[in-house]
């Protein structure tokens, strides 16, 4: 079994029927003895940062559903960590969190673009041993990733493209309707 590490992605296997995690790609930001934490990359929330912070005139960043835990909180992953205090490095220049006041100032000054940051409402979390059990039960592919490629891929193509990288034959699953009764 592949090692769970921050910076890897979890790709829902085609037959995973969980209503929340079906066809998702999750970027893992933390894994330790207490559990694991990550954010769903391909579930848009249909809101922008400006919708929840109207004072941000440059807040036209889309929000994504990060997961079912703490879905009343805002989280973010980014590549601006060295310029944002309190950021936590995930892997090779990719960070999560950081000083939100500083971040909003950078946004208002036009110093950040959507290729550098992704915002999430809530997160996906697993208690100690839970994610390992899900991997052993064959619910997820656990793969290496490139953060920039992930956030620049259209969200509706990310799951299929991720499957294709594992095995080109898996890409066919993304062509099936989300609801099999519509096939």
N, C-alpha and C. Protein backbone atom coordinates (compact mmCIF):
# COMPACT_ATOMS: atom_id res chain seq x y z
N UNK A 1 0.84 -1.18 0.00
CA UNK A 1 0.00 0.00 0.00
C UNK A 1 0.89 1.25 0.00
N UNK A 2 0.48 2.23 -0.79
CA UNK A 2 1.24 3.48 -0.89
C UNK A 2 1.16 4.26 0.42
N UNK A 3 2.24 4.90 0.75
CA UNK A 3 2.34 5.67 1.97
C UNK A 3 1.49 6.95 1.87
N UNK A 4 0.76 7.26 2.92
CA UNK A 4 -0.02 8.50 2.96
C UNK A 4 0.92 9.61 3.39
N UNK A 5 1.00 10.65 2.58
CA UNK A 5 1.88 11.78 2.87
C UNK A 5 1.22 13.08 2.46
N UNK A 6 1.53 14.16 3.17
CA UNK A 6 1.06 15.47 2.72
C UNK A 6 1.55 15.73 1.30
N UNK A 7 0.69 16.33 0.49
CA UNK A 7 1.04 16.65 -0.89
C UNK A 7 0.60 15.59 -1.88
N UNK A 8 0.15 14.44 -1.39
CA UNK A 8 -0.39 13.42 -2.29
C UNK A 8 -1.89 13.65 -2.47
N UNK A 9 -2.44 13.01 -3.49
CA UNK A 9 -3.88 13.13 -3.70
C UNK A 9 -4.55 11.79 -3.51
N UNK A 10 -5.78 11.87 -3.05
CA UNK A 10 -6.66 10.71 -2.96
C UNK A 10 -7.66 10.85 -4.09
N UNK A 11 -7.77 9.82 -4.90
CA UNK A 11 -8.69 9.83 -6.03
C UNK A 11 -9.75 8.76 -5.75
N UNK A 12 -11.00 9.17 -5.68
CA UNK A 12 -12.08 8.22 -5.41
C UNK A 12 -12.10 7.17 -6.51
N UNK A 13 -12.13 5.90 -6.10
CA UNK A 13 -12.22 4.83 -7.09
C UNK A 13 -13.58 4.89 -7.76
N UNK A 14 -13.66 4.47 -9.01
CA UNK A 14 -14.90 4.63 -9.78
C UNK A 14 -16.15 4.05 -9.13
N UNK A 15 -16.01 3.01 -8.33
CA UNK A 15 -17.20 2.39 -7.73
C UNK A 15 -17.50 2.93 -6.34
N UNK A 16 -16.75 3.93 -5.85
CA UNK A 16 -17.05 4.55 -4.56
C UNK A 16 -18.37 5.31 -4.71
N UNK A 17 -19.39 4.88 -3.98
CA UNK A 17 -20.72 5.46 -4.14
C UNK A 17 -21.13 6.42 -3.03
N UNK A 18 -20.21 6.72 -2.11
CA UNK A 18 -20.51 7.68 -1.06
C UNK A 18 -20.98 8.99 -1.69
N UNK A 19 -22.14 9.46 -1.28
CA UNK A 19 -22.72 10.66 -1.91
C UNK A 19 -21.81 11.87 -1.85
N UNK A 20 -21.04 12.00 -0.78
CA UNK A 20 -20.19 13.18 -0.65
C UNK A 20 -18.88 13.04 -1.40
N UNK A 21 -18.28 11.86 -1.39
CA UNK A 21 -16.94 11.70 -1.93
C UNK A 21 -16.89 11.05 -3.31
N UNK A 22 -18.03 10.70 -3.85
CA UNK A 22 -18.08 10.10 -5.19
C UNK A 22 -17.41 11.03 -6.20
N UNK A 23 -16.46 10.48 -6.97
CA UNK A 23 -15.75 11.20 -8.03
C UNK A 23 -14.95 12.41 -7.54
N UNK A 24 -14.41 12.32 -6.36
CA UNK A 24 -13.63 13.44 -5.84
C UNK A 24 -12.13 13.19 -5.94
N UNK A 25 -11.40 14.29 -5.92
CA UNK A 25 -9.95 14.27 -5.81
C UNK A 25 -9.63 15.15 -4.60
N UNK A 26 -8.90 14.57 -3.66
CA UNK A 26 -8.61 15.27 -2.40
C UNK A 26 -7.10 15.48 -2.28
N UNK A 27 -6.73 16.71 -2.01
CA UNK A 27 -5.32 17.06 -1.78
C UNK A 27 -5.05 16.90 -0.29
N UNK A 28 -4.14 16.02 0.07
CA UNK A 28 -3.81 15.74 1.47
C UNK A 28 -2.80 16.78 1.97
N UNK A 29 -3.16 17.47 3.05
CA UNK A 29 -2.26 18.50 3.58
C UNK A 29 -1.63 18.11 4.91
N UNK A 30 -2.19 17.12 5.57
CA UNK A 30 -1.65 16.72 6.87
C UNK A 30 -1.92 15.24 7.11
N UNK A 31 -0.92 14.54 7.63
CA UNK A 31 -1.09 13.15 8.04
C UNK A 31 -0.12 12.89 9.18
N UNK A 32 -0.67 12.46 10.32
CA UNK A 32 0.17 12.16 11.48
C UNK A 32 -0.53 11.11 12.34
N UNK A 33 -0.04 10.89 13.54
CA UNK A 33 -0.62 9.86 14.42
C UNK A 33 -2.05 10.16 14.84
N UNK A 34 -2.46 11.42 14.73
CA UNK A 34 -3.83 11.79 15.11
C UNK A 34 -4.84 11.59 13.99
N UNK A 35 -4.36 11.52 12.75
CA UNK A 35 -5.26 11.36 11.62
C UNK A 35 -4.77 12.08 10.39
N UNK A 36 -5.71 12.35 9.49
CA UNK A 36 -5.38 12.97 8.20
C UNK A 36 -6.35 14.08 7.89
N UNK A 37 -5.89 15.04 7.08
CA UNK A 37 -6.70 16.18 6.69
C UNK A 37 -6.39 16.52 5.25
N UNK A 38 -7.43 16.86 4.48
CA UNK A 38 -7.26 17.25 3.09
C UNK A 38 -8.45 18.06 2.61
N UNK A 39 -8.35 18.50 1.34
CA UNK A 39 -9.39 19.33 0.75
C UNK A 39 -9.80 18.78 -0.61
N UNK A 40 -11.11 18.74 -0.83
CA UNK A 40 -11.62 18.30 -2.12
C UNK A 40 -11.32 19.40 -3.14
N UNK A 41 -10.71 19.01 -4.25
CA UNK A 41 -10.30 19.98 -5.27
C UNK A 41 -11.32 20.21 -6.37
N UNK A 42 -12.27 19.30 -6.52
CA UNK A 42 -13.12 19.36 -7.70
C UNK A 42 -14.61 19.46 -7.40
N UNK A 43 -14.95 20.11 -6.30
CA UNK A 43 -16.35 20.32 -5.94
C UNK A 43 -16.60 21.82 -5.72
N UNK A 44 -16.92 22.56 -6.78
CA UNK A 44 -17.13 24.00 -6.60
C UNK A 44 -18.33 24.27 -5.70
N UNK A 45 -18.27 25.37 -4.99
CA UNK A 45 -19.30 25.74 -4.02
C UNK A 45 -20.34 26.69 -4.62
N UNK A 46 -20.10 27.21 -5.80
CA UNK A 46 -20.97 28.19 -6.46
C UNK A 46 -21.03 29.53 -5.73
N UNK A 47 -20.01 29.80 -4.95
CA UNK A 47 -19.84 31.10 -4.30
C UNK A 47 -18.41 31.56 -4.55
N UNK A 48 -18.21 32.86 -4.39
CA UNK A 48 -16.85 33.39 -4.47
C UNK A 48 -16.47 33.95 -3.11
N UNK A 49 -15.19 34.21 -2.94
CA UNK A 49 -14.71 34.81 -1.70
C UNK A 49 -15.44 36.12 -1.42
N UNK A 50 -15.72 36.86 -2.47
CA UNK A 50 -16.41 38.15 -2.34
C UNK A 50 -17.83 37.98 -1.79
N UNK A 51 -18.45 36.82 -2.06
CA UNK A 51 -19.80 36.58 -1.54
C UNK A 51 -19.82 36.49 -0.02
N UNK A 52 -18.76 35.97 0.58
CA UNK A 52 -18.75 35.87 2.04
C UNK A 52 -17.97 37.01 2.71
N UNK A 53 -17.15 37.71 1.91
CA UNK A 53 -16.43 38.90 2.40
C UNK A 53 -16.67 40.03 1.39
N UNK A 54 -17.85 40.64 1.42
CA UNK A 54 -18.21 41.65 0.41
C UNK A 54 -17.27 42.86 0.36
N UNK A 55 -16.54 43.11 1.43
CA UNK A 55 -15.62 44.25 1.45
C UNK A 55 -14.39 44.02 0.57
N UNK A 56 -14.16 42.77 0.12
CA UNK A 56 -13.01 42.48 -0.75
C UNK A 56 -13.39 42.74 -2.20
N UNK A 57 -13.09 43.92 -2.68
CA UNK A 57 -13.48 44.26 -4.05
C UNK A 57 -12.77 43.38 -5.08
N UNK A 58 -11.61 42.84 -4.74
CA UNK A 58 -10.88 41.94 -5.65
C UNK A 58 -11.05 40.47 -5.25
N UNK A 59 -12.09 40.17 -4.49
CA UNK A 59 -12.30 38.81 -3.98
C UNK A 59 -13.05 37.88 -4.91
N UNK A 60 -12.74 37.93 -6.19
CA UNK A 60 -13.44 37.09 -7.17
C UNK A 60 -12.83 35.69 -7.28
N UNK A 61 -12.43 35.11 -6.18
CA UNK A 61 -11.84 33.77 -6.16
C UNK A 61 -12.96 32.77 -5.89
N UNK A 62 -13.06 31.70 -6.68
CA UNK A 62 -14.11 30.72 -6.42
C UNK A 62 -13.87 29.96 -5.12
N UNK A 63 -14.94 29.53 -4.49
CA UNK A 63 -14.86 28.71 -3.30
C UNK A 63 -15.17 27.27 -3.67
N UNK A 64 -14.52 26.33 -3.01
CA UNK A 64 -14.75 24.91 -3.23
C UNK A 64 -15.18 24.27 -1.92
N UNK A 65 -15.95 23.19 -2.02
CA UNK A 65 -16.31 22.42 -0.84
C UNK A 65 -15.11 21.56 -0.48
N UNK A 66 -14.46 21.90 0.61
CA UNK A 66 -13.27 21.16 1.02
C UNK A 66 -13.59 19.82 1.65
N UNK A 67 -14.78 19.70 2.20
CA UNK A 67 -15.20 18.47 2.84
C UNK A 67 -16.29 18.73 3.85
N UNK A 68 -16.78 17.66 4.46
CA UNK A 68 -17.93 17.79 5.36
C UNK A 68 -17.60 18.25 6.78
N UNK A 69 -16.33 18.39 7.13
CA UNK A 69 -15.95 18.77 8.49
C UNK A 69 -15.74 20.29 8.56
N UNK A 70 -16.24 20.90 9.61
CA UNK A 70 -16.10 22.36 9.82
C UNK A 70 -16.53 23.14 8.59
N UNK A 71 -17.73 22.80 8.08
CA UNK A 71 -18.18 23.45 6.85
C UNK A 71 -18.73 24.86 7.06
N UNK A 72 -18.38 25.45 8.18
CA UNK A 72 -18.67 26.87 8.41
C UNK A 72 -17.37 27.67 8.53
N UNK A 73 -16.24 27.03 8.13
CA UNK A 73 -14.94 27.69 8.20
C UNK A 73 -14.28 27.73 6.83
N UNK A 74 -13.47 28.75 6.64
CA UNK A 74 -12.74 28.94 5.39
C UNK A 74 -11.30 28.45 5.55
N UNK A 75 -10.82 27.72 4.55
CA UNK A 75 -9.44 27.23 4.52
C UNK A 75 -8.86 27.57 3.16
N UNK A 76 -7.54 27.50 3.03
CA UNK A 76 -6.93 27.78 1.73
C UNK A 76 -5.58 27.11 1.62
N UNK A 77 -5.29 26.69 0.38
CA UNK A 77 -3.97 26.17 0.02
C UNK A 77 -3.40 27.16 -0.99
N UNK A 78 -2.05 27.27 -1.02
CA UNK A 78 -1.47 28.30 -1.87
C UNK A 78 0.02 28.08 -2.10
N UNK A 79 0.57 28.92 -2.96
CA UNK A 79 2.00 28.89 -3.26
C UNK A 79 2.69 30.19 -2.85
N UNK A 80 2.05 30.96 -1.98
CA UNK A 80 2.60 32.26 -1.56
C UNK A 80 3.14 32.22 -0.13
N UNK A 81 3.35 31.06 0.41
CA UNK A 81 3.70 30.87 1.81
C UNK A 81 4.85 31.70 2.32
N UNK A 82 5.90 31.82 1.55
CA UNK A 82 7.04 32.59 2.03
C UNK A 82 6.70 34.07 2.17
N UNK A 83 5.61 34.51 1.58
CA UNK A 83 5.18 35.90 1.68
C UNK A 83 4.01 36.09 2.64
N UNK A 84 3.53 35.01 3.24
CA UNK A 84 2.35 35.06 4.11
C UNK A 84 2.70 34.41 5.45
N UNK A 85 2.74 35.21 6.50
CA UNK A 85 3.14 34.66 7.81
C UNK A 85 2.14 33.61 8.28
N UNK A 86 2.63 32.71 9.09
CA UNK A 86 1.86 31.62 9.69
C UNK A 86 1.39 30.55 8.71
N UNK A 87 1.90 30.57 7.48
CA UNK A 87 1.57 29.52 6.52
C UNK A 87 2.29 28.23 6.93
N UNK A 88 1.66 27.11 6.65
CA UNK A 88 2.23 25.80 6.97
C UNK A 88 2.62 25.13 5.66
N UNK A 89 3.92 24.81 5.52
CA UNK A 89 4.35 24.18 4.27
C UNK A 89 3.89 22.73 4.23
N UNK A 90 3.27 22.36 3.11
CA UNK A 90 2.80 21.00 2.89
C UNK A 90 3.92 20.20 2.23
N UNK A 91 4.42 20.75 1.12
CA UNK A 91 5.44 20.06 0.34
C UNK A 91 5.97 21.00 -0.73
N UNK A 92 7.27 21.14 -0.84
CA UNK A 92 7.93 21.85 -1.95
C UNK A 92 7.26 23.15 -2.40
N UNK A 93 7.12 24.09 -1.49
CA UNK A 93 6.58 25.40 -1.86
C UNK A 93 5.07 25.49 -1.93
N UNK A 94 4.37 24.48 -1.46
CA UNK A 94 2.90 24.51 -1.38
C UNK A 94 2.55 24.59 0.10
N UNK A 95 1.63 25.49 0.43
CA UNK A 95 1.28 25.78 1.81
C UNK A 95 -0.22 25.73 2.02
N UNK A 96 -0.59 25.72 3.29
CA UNK A 96 -1.99 25.93 3.64
C UNK A 96 -2.07 26.86 4.83
N UNK A 97 -3.19 27.59 4.90
CA UNK A 97 -3.39 28.54 5.97
C UNK A 97 -2.47 29.74 5.87
N UNK A 98 -2.41 30.47 6.95
CA UNK A 98 -1.62 31.69 7.00
C UNK A 98 -2.46 32.84 7.53
N UNK A 99 -1.81 33.96 7.75
CA UNK A 99 -2.46 35.13 8.32
C UNK A 99 -3.50 35.69 7.34
N UNK A 100 -4.77 35.57 7.71
CA UNK A 100 -5.86 35.97 6.81
C UNK A 100 -5.89 37.48 6.58
N UNK A 101 -5.56 38.27 7.60
CA UNK A 101 -5.54 39.72 7.44
C UNK A 101 -4.50 40.11 6.38
N UNK A 102 -3.31 39.54 6.47
CA UNK A 102 -2.27 39.81 5.46
C UNK A 102 -2.74 39.35 4.08
N UNK A 103 -3.39 38.20 4.04
CA UNK A 103 -3.87 37.66 2.76
C UNK A 103 -4.88 38.61 2.12
N UNK A 104 -5.81 39.14 2.90
CA UNK A 104 -6.81 40.04 2.32
C UNK A 104 -6.15 41.32 1.80
N UNK A 105 -5.12 41.80 2.48
CA UNK A 105 -4.39 42.97 1.99
C UNK A 105 -3.72 42.67 0.64
N UNK A 106 -3.13 41.47 0.53
CA UNK A 106 -2.49 41.08 -0.73
C UNK A 106 -3.52 40.96 -1.85
N UNK A 107 -4.69 40.43 -1.52
CA UNK A 107 -5.76 40.30 -2.51
C UNK A 107 -6.19 41.69 -2.98
N UNK A 108 -6.40 42.59 -2.05
CA UNK A 108 -6.86 43.93 -2.41
C UNK A 108 -5.84 44.69 -3.23
N UNK A 109 -4.57 44.41 -3.05
CA UNK A 109 -3.51 45.06 -3.83
C UNK A 109 -3.27 44.36 -5.17
N UNK A 110 -4.05 43.31 -5.44
CA UNK A 110 -3.90 42.58 -6.71
C UNK A 110 -2.62 41.77 -6.79
N UNK A 111 -2.08 41.36 -5.65
CA UNK A 111 -0.81 40.64 -5.62
C UNK A 111 -0.98 39.12 -5.71
N UNK A 112 -2.22 38.65 -5.76
CA UNK A 112 -2.48 37.20 -5.80
C UNK A 112 -3.46 36.91 -6.92
N UNK A 113 -3.20 35.83 -7.67
CA UNK A 113 -4.16 35.41 -8.70
C UNK A 113 -4.64 33.99 -8.40
N UNK A 114 -5.64 33.54 -9.13
CA UNK A 114 -6.28 32.26 -8.85
C UNK A 114 -5.38 31.06 -9.13
N UNK A 115 -4.25 31.26 -9.81
CA UNK A 115 -3.30 30.17 -10.02
C UNK A 115 -2.41 29.94 -8.81
N UNK A 116 -2.50 30.83 -7.82
CA UNK A 116 -1.66 30.74 -6.64
C UNK A 116 -2.39 30.27 -5.39
N UNK A 117 -3.73 30.28 -5.42
CA UNK A 117 -4.48 30.00 -4.20
C UNK A 117 -5.80 29.32 -4.53
N UNK A 118 -6.25 28.48 -3.60
CA UNK A 118 -7.56 27.83 -3.73
C UNK A 118 -8.22 27.90 -2.36
N UNK A 119 -9.49 28.36 -2.33
CA UNK A 119 -10.25 28.52 -1.10
C UNK A 119 -11.27 27.40 -0.95
N UNK A 120 -11.45 26.93 0.29
CA UNK A 120 -12.36 25.82 0.57
C UNK A 120 -13.25 26.16 1.77
N UNK A 121 -14.47 25.69 1.70
CA UNK A 121 -15.37 25.73 2.84
C UNK A 121 -15.34 24.32 3.43
N UNK A 122 -14.87 24.18 4.65
CA UNK A 122 -14.76 22.88 5.30
C UNK A 122 -13.55 22.10 4.83
N UNK A 123 -13.37 20.92 5.43
CA UNK A 123 -12.26 20.04 5.06
C UNK A 123 -12.70 18.58 5.18
N UNK A 124 -11.88 17.71 4.64
CA UNK A 124 -12.08 16.27 4.75
C UNK A 124 -11.11 15.77 5.81
N UNK A 125 -11.63 15.07 6.79
CA UNK A 125 -10.78 14.62 7.88
C UNK A 125 -11.01 13.16 8.22
N UNK A 126 -9.96 12.52 8.68
CA UNK A 126 -10.01 11.12 9.09
C UNK A 126 -9.34 11.00 10.44
N UNK A 127 -9.91 10.23 11.33
CA UNK A 127 -9.29 9.98 12.63
C UNK A 127 -8.15 8.99 12.46
N UNK A 128 -7.41 8.77 13.52
CA UNK A 128 -6.26 7.88 13.49
C UNK A 128 -6.65 6.52 12.89
N UNK A 129 -5.94 6.11 11.86
CA UNK A 129 -6.15 4.81 11.23
C UNK A 129 -7.31 4.72 10.26
N UNK A 130 -8.19 5.71 10.25
CA UNK A 130 -9.38 5.65 9.39
C UNK A 130 -9.03 5.68 7.91
N UNK A 131 -8.16 6.58 7.50
CA UNK A 131 -7.80 6.67 6.09
C UNK A 131 -7.04 5.41 5.65
N UNK A 132 -6.16 4.91 6.50
CA UNK A 132 -5.46 3.67 6.17
C UNK A 132 -6.46 2.54 5.92
N UNK A 133 -7.49 2.48 6.76
CA UNK A 133 -8.52 1.45 6.60
C UNK A 133 -9.27 1.63 5.27
N UNK A 134 -9.59 2.86 4.92
CA UNK A 134 -10.28 3.12 3.65
C UNK A 134 -9.40 2.73 2.46
N UNK A 135 -8.10 2.98 2.57
CA UNK A 135 -7.19 2.57 1.49
C UNK A 135 -7.12 1.05 1.39
N UNK A 136 -7.08 0.38 2.54
CA UNK A 136 -7.05 -1.08 2.53
C UNK A 136 -8.36 -1.67 2.01
N UNK A 137 -9.47 -0.95 2.20
CA UNK A 137 -10.77 -1.38 1.68
C UNK A 137 -10.98 -0.95 0.23
N UNK A 138 -9.90 -0.44 -0.38
CA UNK A 138 -9.89 -0.14 -1.81
C UNK A 138 -10.88 0.97 -2.23
N UNK A 139 -10.99 2.01 -1.39
CA UNK A 139 -11.89 3.11 -1.71
C UNK A 139 -11.19 4.23 -2.49
N UNK A 140 -9.87 4.34 -2.35
CA UNK A 140 -9.12 5.45 -2.93
C UNK A 140 -7.87 4.96 -3.64
N UNK A 141 -7.48 5.72 -4.67
CA UNK A 141 -6.12 5.64 -5.18
C UNK A 141 -5.35 6.70 -4.40
N UNK A 142 -4.12 6.44 -4.05
CA UNK A 142 -3.27 7.37 -3.30
C UNK A 142 -2.06 7.65 -4.18
N UNK A 143 -2.00 8.83 -4.79
CA UNK A 143 -1.02 9.12 -5.83
C UNK A 143 -0.22 10.39 -5.55
N UNK A 144 0.95 10.47 -6.15
CA UNK A 144 1.74 11.71 -6.12
C UNK A 144 1.03 12.75 -6.99
N UNK A 145 1.36 14.00 -6.77
CA UNK A 145 0.66 15.05 -7.51
C UNK A 145 1.56 16.26 -7.72
N UNK A 146 1.10 17.14 -8.58
CA UNK A 146 1.71 18.44 -8.78
C UNK A 146 0.62 19.46 -8.51
N UNK A 147 0.76 20.21 -7.42
CA UNK A 147 -0.29 21.14 -6.98
C UNK A 147 -0.71 22.11 -8.08
N UNK A 148 0.24 22.70 -8.76
CA UNK A 148 -0.09 23.69 -9.79
C UNK A 148 -0.92 23.05 -10.89
N UNK A 149 -0.56 21.85 -11.33
CA UNK A 149 -1.35 21.16 -12.35
C UNK A 149 -2.76 20.88 -11.85
N UNK A 150 -2.87 20.51 -10.58
CA UNK A 150 -4.18 20.18 -10.01
C UNK A 150 -5.11 21.39 -10.00
N UNK A 151 -4.63 22.53 -9.51
CA UNK A 151 -5.54 23.67 -9.40
C UNK A 151 -5.76 24.37 -10.74
N UNK A 152 -4.91 24.10 -11.71
CA UNK A 152 -5.12 24.70 -13.03
C UNK A 152 -5.97 23.82 -13.95
N UNK A 153 -6.23 22.59 -13.55
CA UNK A 153 -7.07 21.69 -14.34
C UNK A 153 -8.54 22.09 -14.11
N UNK A 154 -9.36 22.16 -15.16
CA UNK A 154 -10.79 22.44 -14.93
C UNK A 154 -11.36 21.42 -13.94
N UNK A 155 -12.09 21.91 -12.94
CA UNK A 155 -12.56 21.04 -11.86
C UNK A 155 -13.38 19.86 -12.38
N UNK A 156 -14.13 20.05 -13.45
CA UNK A 156 -14.98 18.97 -13.95
C UNK A 156 -14.20 17.92 -14.75
N UNK A 157 -12.93 18.16 -15.00
CA UNK A 157 -12.08 17.19 -15.71
C UNK A 157 -11.05 16.55 -14.78
N UNK A 158 -10.91 17.05 -13.57
CA UNK A 158 -9.84 16.63 -12.69
C UNK A 158 -9.91 15.14 -12.33
N UNK A 159 -11.09 14.63 -11.97
CA UNK A 159 -11.21 13.24 -11.59
C UNK A 159 -10.84 12.32 -12.75
N UNK A 160 -11.41 12.57 -13.93
CA UNK A 160 -11.11 11.75 -15.10
C UNK A 160 -9.65 11.83 -15.50
N UNK A 161 -9.08 13.02 -15.50
CA UNK A 161 -7.66 13.18 -15.84
C UNK A 161 -6.76 12.46 -14.83
N UNK A 162 -7.14 12.50 -13.55
CA UNK A 162 -6.35 11.82 -12.53
C UNK A 162 -6.42 10.31 -12.71
N UNK A 163 -7.59 9.79 -13.04
CA UNK A 163 -7.72 8.35 -13.33
C UNK A 163 -6.89 7.96 -14.53
N UNK A 164 -6.92 8.80 -15.55
CA UNK A 164 -6.17 8.53 -16.78
C UNK A 164 -4.67 8.41 -16.53
N UNK A 165 -4.15 9.21 -15.60
CA UNK A 165 -2.72 9.14 -15.28
C UNK A 165 -2.36 7.82 -14.61
N UNK A 166 -3.29 7.25 -13.86
CA UNK A 166 -3.07 5.95 -13.22
C UNK A 166 -3.08 4.83 -14.26
N UNK A 167 -4.10 4.88 -15.09
CA UNK A 167 -4.28 3.86 -16.13
C UNK A 167 -5.21 4.45 -17.19
N UNK A 168 -4.75 4.63 -18.43
CA UNK A 168 -5.59 5.24 -19.46
C UNK A 168 -6.95 4.55 -19.62
N UNK A 169 -7.04 3.28 -19.30
CA UNK A 169 -8.32 2.58 -19.38
C UNK A 169 -9.34 3.07 -18.38
N UNK A 170 -8.88 3.64 -17.24
CA UNK A 170 -9.80 4.15 -16.22
C UNK A 170 -10.52 5.43 -16.66
N UNK A 171 -9.95 6.15 -17.61
CA UNK A 171 -10.54 7.41 -18.07
C UNK A 171 -11.98 7.21 -18.54
N UNK A 172 -12.28 6.02 -19.06
CA UNK A 172 -13.63 5.74 -19.56
C UNK A 172 -14.69 5.93 -18.46
N UNK A 173 -14.33 5.70 -17.21
CA UNK A 173 -15.29 5.86 -16.12
C UNK A 173 -15.79 7.30 -16.02
N UNK A 174 -14.95 8.25 -16.36
CA UNK A 174 -15.36 9.65 -16.26
C UNK A 174 -16.35 10.03 -17.35
N UNK A 175 -16.45 9.20 -18.38
CA UNK A 175 -17.42 9.48 -19.45
C UNK A 175 -18.82 9.04 -19.08
N UNK A 176 -18.96 8.17 -18.08
CA UNK A 176 -20.27 7.74 -17.62
C UNK A 176 -20.91 8.85 -16.82
N UNK A 177 -22.22 8.90 -16.84
CA UNK A 177 -22.95 9.89 -16.09
C UNK A 177 -22.70 9.71 -14.59
N UNK A 178 -22.75 10.82 -13.86
CA UNK A 178 -22.61 10.78 -12.40
C UNK A 178 -23.71 9.89 -11.81
N UNK A 179 -24.89 9.93 -12.43
CA UNK A 179 -26.02 9.10 -12.02
C UNK A 179 -26.14 7.97 -13.04
N UNK A 180 -25.78 6.71 -12.68
CA UNK A 180 -25.78 5.60 -13.63
C UNK A 180 -27.16 5.35 -14.26
N UNK A 181 -28.23 5.77 -13.62
CA UNK A 181 -29.55 5.54 -14.21
C UNK A 181 -29.76 6.38 -15.46
N UNK A 182 -28.88 7.38 -15.68
CA UNK A 182 -29.00 8.23 -16.86
C UNK A 182 -28.21 7.70 -18.05
N UNK A 183 -27.42 6.62 -17.86
CA UNK A 183 -26.64 6.04 -18.96
C UNK A 183 -27.52 5.31 -19.93
